[in-house]
Protein backbone atom coordinates (compact mmCIF):
# COMPACT_ATOMS: atom_id res chain seq x y z
CA UNK A 1 7.54 -60.59 127.68
CA UNK A 2 10.36 -63.97 127.37
CA UNK A 3 11.01 -65.37 130.75
CA UNK A 4 14.90 -65.27 131.13
CA UNK A 5 15.24 -67.60 133.66
CA UNK A 6 12.37 -70.34 131.75
CA UNK A 7 14.17 -73.59 131.99
CA UNK A 8 14.31 -75.95 128.68
CA UNK A 9 11.39 -78.28 127.96
CA UNK A 10 14.16 -81.36 128.31
CA UNK A 11 15.07 -79.98 132.07
CA UNK A 12 11.19 -79.96 133.10
CA UNK A 13 10.99 -83.02 131.60
CA UNK A 14 14.11 -84.61 133.60
CA UNK A 15 12.69 -82.92 136.82
CA UNK A 16 9.66 -84.64 136.43
CA UNK A 17 10.96 -88.02 135.99
CA UNK A 18 13.45 -87.73 139.13
CA UNK A 19 11.03 -86.30 141.29
CA UNK A 20 7.77 -88.49 140.60
CA UNK A 21 9.41 -91.00 142.94
CA UNK A 22 10.45 -88.82 145.23
CA UNK A 23 6.84 -87.64 145.66
CA UNK A 24 5.14 -91.28 145.76
CA UNK A 25 7.53 -92.31 148.31
CA UNK A 26 6.44 -88.98 150.44
CA UNK A 27 2.59 -90.63 149.99
CA UNK A 28 4.16 -94.17 150.94
CA UNK A 29 5.87 -93.31 154.25
CA UNK A 30 3.37 -90.72 155.57
CA UNK A 31 0.05 -93.38 154.73
CA UNK A 32 2.85 -96.26 156.55
CA UNK A 33 3.62 -93.80 159.31
CA UNK A 34 0.02 -93.22 160.16
CA UNK A 35 -1.17 -96.87 159.80
CA UNK A 36 1.97 -98.87 161.07
CA UNK A 37 0.42 -100.22 164.27
CA UNK A 38 3.23 -99.92 167.26
CA UNK A 39 2.51 -101.61 170.51
CA UNK A 40 1.64 -99.04 173.26
CA UNK A 41 1.52 -96.33 171.05
CA UNK A 42 -2.18 -94.74 169.69
CA UNK A 43 -3.25 -94.48 166.60
CA UNK A 44 -4.34 -91.16 167.70
CA UNK A 45 -0.58 -89.77 168.89
CA UNK A 46 0.72 -90.72 165.49
CA UNK A 47 -1.83 -88.94 163.35
CA UNK A 48 -1.33 -85.92 165.81
CA UNK A 49 2.07 -86.29 165.20
CA UNK A 50 2.10 -85.99 161.66
CA UNK A 51 -0.28 -83.05 161.96
CA UNK A 52 2.05 -81.22 164.08
CA UNK A 53 4.76 -82.26 162.12
CA UNK A 54 3.11 -80.53 158.60
CA UNK A 55 2.07 -77.83 160.46
CA UNK A 56 4.75 -76.78 163.11
CA UNK A 57 8.14 -78.00 161.57
CA UNK A 58 9.99 -77.04 158.83
CA UNK A 59 9.32 -80.21 156.86
CA UNK A 60 7.78 -78.72 153.83
CA UNK A 61 10.10 -76.44 153.57
CA UNK A 62 13.15 -78.97 153.65
CA UNK A 63 11.12 -80.98 151.14
CA UNK A 64 11.11 -77.86 148.69
CA UNK A 65 14.67 -77.61 149.06
CA UNK A 66 14.86 -81.07 148.18
CA UNK A 67 12.52 -80.69 145.09
CA UNK A 68 14.83 -77.73 144.25
CA UNK A 69 18.08 -80.14 144.41
CA UNK A 70 16.92 -82.60 142.03
CA UNK A 71 15.78 -79.81 139.50
CA UNK A 72 19.22 -77.98 139.81
CA UNK A 73 21.72 -80.79 137.84
CA UNK A 74 19.20 -80.97 134.65
CA UNK A 75 19.17 -77.19 134.34
CA UNK A 76 22.70 -76.99 132.50
CA UNK A 77 25.78 -79.30 131.73
CA UNK A 78 27.59 -76.40 134.39
CA UNK A 79 25.41 -76.99 136.94
CA UNK A 80 25.45 -80.70 136.53
CA UNK A 81 29.43 -80.31 136.65
CA UNK A 82 29.00 -78.49 139.73
CA UNK A 83 26.90 -80.78 141.79
CA UNK A 84 30.54 -83.06 142.10
CA UNK A 85 31.95 -80.07 144.11
CA UNK A 86 28.45 -79.31 145.77
CA UNK A 87 28.11 -83.28 146.96
CA UNK A 88 31.75 -82.68 148.93
CA UNK A 89 30.25 -80.30 151.61
CA UNK A 90 26.30 -80.22 150.86
CA UNK A 91 24.96 -83.19 152.31
CA UNK A 92 27.00 -81.68 155.85
CA UNK A 93 26.04 -78.24 156.04
CA UNK A 94 22.51 -79.16 155.37
CA UNK A 95 22.51 -82.60 157.39
CA UNK A 96 23.13 -80.02 160.48
CA UNK A 97 20.12 -77.84 159.67
CA UNK A 98 17.70 -80.63 159.24
CA UNK A 99 18.93 -82.42 162.25
CA UNK A 100 18.44 -78.79 163.61
CA UNK A 101 14.44 -78.05 162.28
CA UNK A 102 13.77 -82.07 161.87
CA UNK A 103 15.08 -84.61 163.73
CA UNK A 104 16.19 -83.39 166.94
CA UNK A 105 12.61 -82.69 167.59
CA UNK A 106 11.59 -85.72 166.59
CA UNK A 107 14.27 -87.45 169.36
CA UNK A 108 12.80 -84.88 171.85
CA UNK A 109 9.20 -85.95 171.13
CA UNK A 110 10.07 -89.54 171.26
CA UNK A 111 12.35 -89.03 174.34
CA UNK A 112 9.29 -87.57 176.29
CA UNK A 113 7.47 -90.78 175.39
CA UNK A 114 10.31 -93.23 176.50
CA UNK A 115 12.53 -95.84 174.84
CA UNK A 116 11.01 -98.90 177.16
CA UNK A 117 8.82 -101.49 175.88
CA UNK A 118 5.92 -100.20 177.98
CA UNK A 119 5.17 -97.04 177.49
CA UNK A 120 3.39 -94.53 180.02
CA UNK A 121 -0.32 -92.86 178.83
CA UNK A 122 1.12 -89.84 181.13
CA UNK A 123 4.14 -89.49 179.02
CA UNK A 124 2.07 -90.28 175.68
CA UNK A 125 -0.05 -87.10 176.69
CA UNK A 126 3.07 -85.01 177.62
CA UNK A 127 4.78 -85.72 174.37
CA UNK A 128 1.69 -84.73 172.52
CA UNK A 129 1.49 -81.59 174.19
CA UNK A 130 4.81 -80.95 173.75
CA UNK A 131 5.10 -81.43 170.49
CA UNK A 132 3.74 -78.29 168.85
CA UNK A 133 6.08 -76.34 171.58
CA UNK A 134 9.06 -78.37 170.47
CA UNK A 135 8.53 -78.34 166.78
CA UNK A 136 7.83 -74.16 166.58
CA UNK A 137 11.30 -74.16 168.72
CA UNK A 138 12.51 -76.32 165.89
CA UNK A 139 11.18 -74.35 163.40
CA UNK A 140 12.53 -70.69 164.46
CA UNK A 141 15.91 -72.25 164.89
CA UNK A 142 15.80 -74.23 161.67
CA UNK A 143 15.28 -70.46 159.80
CA UNK A 144 17.94 -68.71 162.04
CA UNK A 145 20.41 -70.54 160.75
CA UNK A 146 19.15 -71.17 157.23
CA UNK A 147 21.18 -68.31 155.46
CA UNK A 148 24.03 -68.90 157.23
CA UNK A 149 23.59 -72.60 155.66
CA UNK A 150 23.16 -71.25 152.24
CA UNK A 151 25.94 -69.13 152.13
CA UNK A 152 27.57 -72.47 150.67
CA UNK A 153 25.61 -72.02 147.52
CA UNK A 154 26.25 -68.47 146.87
CA UNK A 155 29.04 -69.09 144.19
CA UNK A 156 26.47 -70.90 142.13
CA UNK A 157 25.40 -69.56 138.87
CA UNK A 158 22.39 -67.24 138.99
CA UNK A 159 20.52 -68.78 136.08
CA UNK A 160 20.63 -72.23 136.98
CA UNK A 161 19.75 -71.49 140.57
CA UNK A 162 16.54 -69.66 139.56
CA UNK A 163 15.95 -72.39 136.54
CA UNK A 164 16.07 -74.98 139.21
CA UNK A 165 12.90 -73.42 140.73
CA UNK A 166 10.91 -74.54 137.93
CA UNK A 167 8.63 -77.44 137.40
CA UNK A 168 7.76 -79.64 140.83
CA UNK A 169 9.14 -77.25 143.03
CA UNK A 170 6.56 -74.07 141.84
CA UNK A 171 3.70 -76.34 142.34
CA UNK A 172 4.72 -77.90 145.51
CA UNK A 173 5.48 -74.29 146.61
CA UNK A 174 2.32 -72.74 145.36
CA UNK A 175 0.13 -75.73 147.50
CA UNK A 176 2.17 -77.04 149.90
CA UNK A 177 4.75 -74.65 151.40
CA UNK A 178 3.52 -71.13 150.98
CA UNK A 179 -0.26 -71.72 152.42
CA UNK A 180 1.40 -71.65 156.00
CA UNK A 181 5.18 -71.03 155.48
CA UNK A 182 5.20 -67.49 157.58
CA UNK A 183 8.24 -67.50 158.22
CA UNK A 184 9.95 -67.12 154.68
CA UNK A 185 12.09 -64.18 153.87
CA UNK A 186 11.52 -62.35 150.80
CA UNK A 187 13.48 -58.98 149.78
CA UNK A 188 12.24 -55.77 150.19
CA UNK A 189 11.05 -55.18 146.66
CA UNK A 190 8.46 -58.04 147.23
CA UNK A 191 6.95 -55.99 149.68
CA UNK A 192 7.34 -52.29 147.68
CA UNK A 193 5.51 -54.32 144.60
CA UNK A 194 3.06 -55.73 146.21
CA UNK A 195 2.99 -59.54 147.45
CA UNK A 196 -0.48 -60.26 146.01
CA UNK A 197 0.65 -58.60 142.47
CA UNK A 198 3.06 -61.28 141.93
CA UNK A 199 2.86 -65.09 140.70
CA UNK A 200 3.83 -67.90 143.39
CA UNK A 201 6.36 -68.46 140.65
CA UNK A 202 7.80 -65.13 141.40
CA UNK A 203 7.59 -64.91 145.05
CA UNK A 204 9.67 -68.20 145.17
CA UNK A 205 12.27 -67.00 142.89
CA UNK A 206 12.52 -63.87 144.79
CA UNK A 207 12.86 -65.67 148.23
CA UNK A 208 15.33 -68.27 146.42
CA UNK A 209 17.48 -65.55 145.04
CA UNK A 210 17.61 -63.29 148.16
CA UNK A 211 18.77 -67.21 150.24
CA UNK A 212 20.53 -68.95 148.18
CA UNK A 213 22.73 -66.35 145.82
CA UNK A 214 25.28 -64.16 146.71
CA UNK A 215 24.98 -60.47 146.67
CA UNK A 216 25.80 -59.97 142.56
CA UNK A 217 24.04 -62.93 141.59
CA UNK A 218 21.10 -61.47 143.56
CA UNK A 219 21.66 -58.00 141.80
CA UNK A 220 21.44 -59.57 138.28
CA UNK A 221 18.76 -61.43 139.43
CA UNK A 222 16.82 -58.27 139.97
CA UNK A 223 18.01 -56.80 136.72
CA UNK A 224 16.62 -59.53 134.61
CA UNK A 225 13.22 -59.90 136.17
CA UNK A 226 12.65 -56.54 136.92
CA UNK A 227 14.31 -54.00 135.28
CA UNK A 228 12.23 -51.29 136.28
CA UNK A 229 12.19 -51.93 140.03
CA UNK A 230 16.43 -52.21 139.19
CA UNK A 231 16.86 -48.87 137.72
CA UNK A 232 14.43 -47.60 140.61
CA UNK A 233 17.03 -48.58 142.63
CA UNK A 234 20.05 -48.20 141.39
CA UNK A 235 19.55 -44.97 139.04
CA UNK A 236 20.72 -47.15 135.79
CA UNK A 237 20.14 -45.57 132.75
CA UNK A 238 20.55 -47.77 129.36
């Protein structure tokens, strides 16, 4: 069966070309953050902070969003044109979301350490102990606010949005996001069909369709991706 939401080869190539610099930058920034010497700050504390960020914060999901955003403009000429509209408000909407999920908790952990030149070991230990709790709370708030932020994309064309999950976003979701992303929401039909009966690509598309598409667009996605499920739910007969 043909994949209605398969991207054109050129779209995939362009997505990879523009995503690779981000991948390299992420690896470089992480290595630099871990090994950069900060006076008074233990390297073990920095390493622990990185682990907390990766495990407890929504940073992996945020990166998935960025990979999808990179992929989106290359899916069609229509998608490319719409980025000029999205650029007007998306940085504000998702900037607030990222502040809730990442910037503010980071500021909170540093606030416990203090902003003085001399660092107290007691405050450093308190910050290390508080970091997982702070990031877990921030992650909860992030996923709580996410559906409201995603309303800003509900007008987009179904095909462009779902195609944007192909290429780097698919692999990043499969190997980095899904293994520990317990708060990701899925449509009811995913549970009915069986989570393990769907591929990671199908699970990613289902999540993206539910969160980032409007009701009509989501219905169209289900109709094209799971026609039998659509017929069972609606009683539709061709």
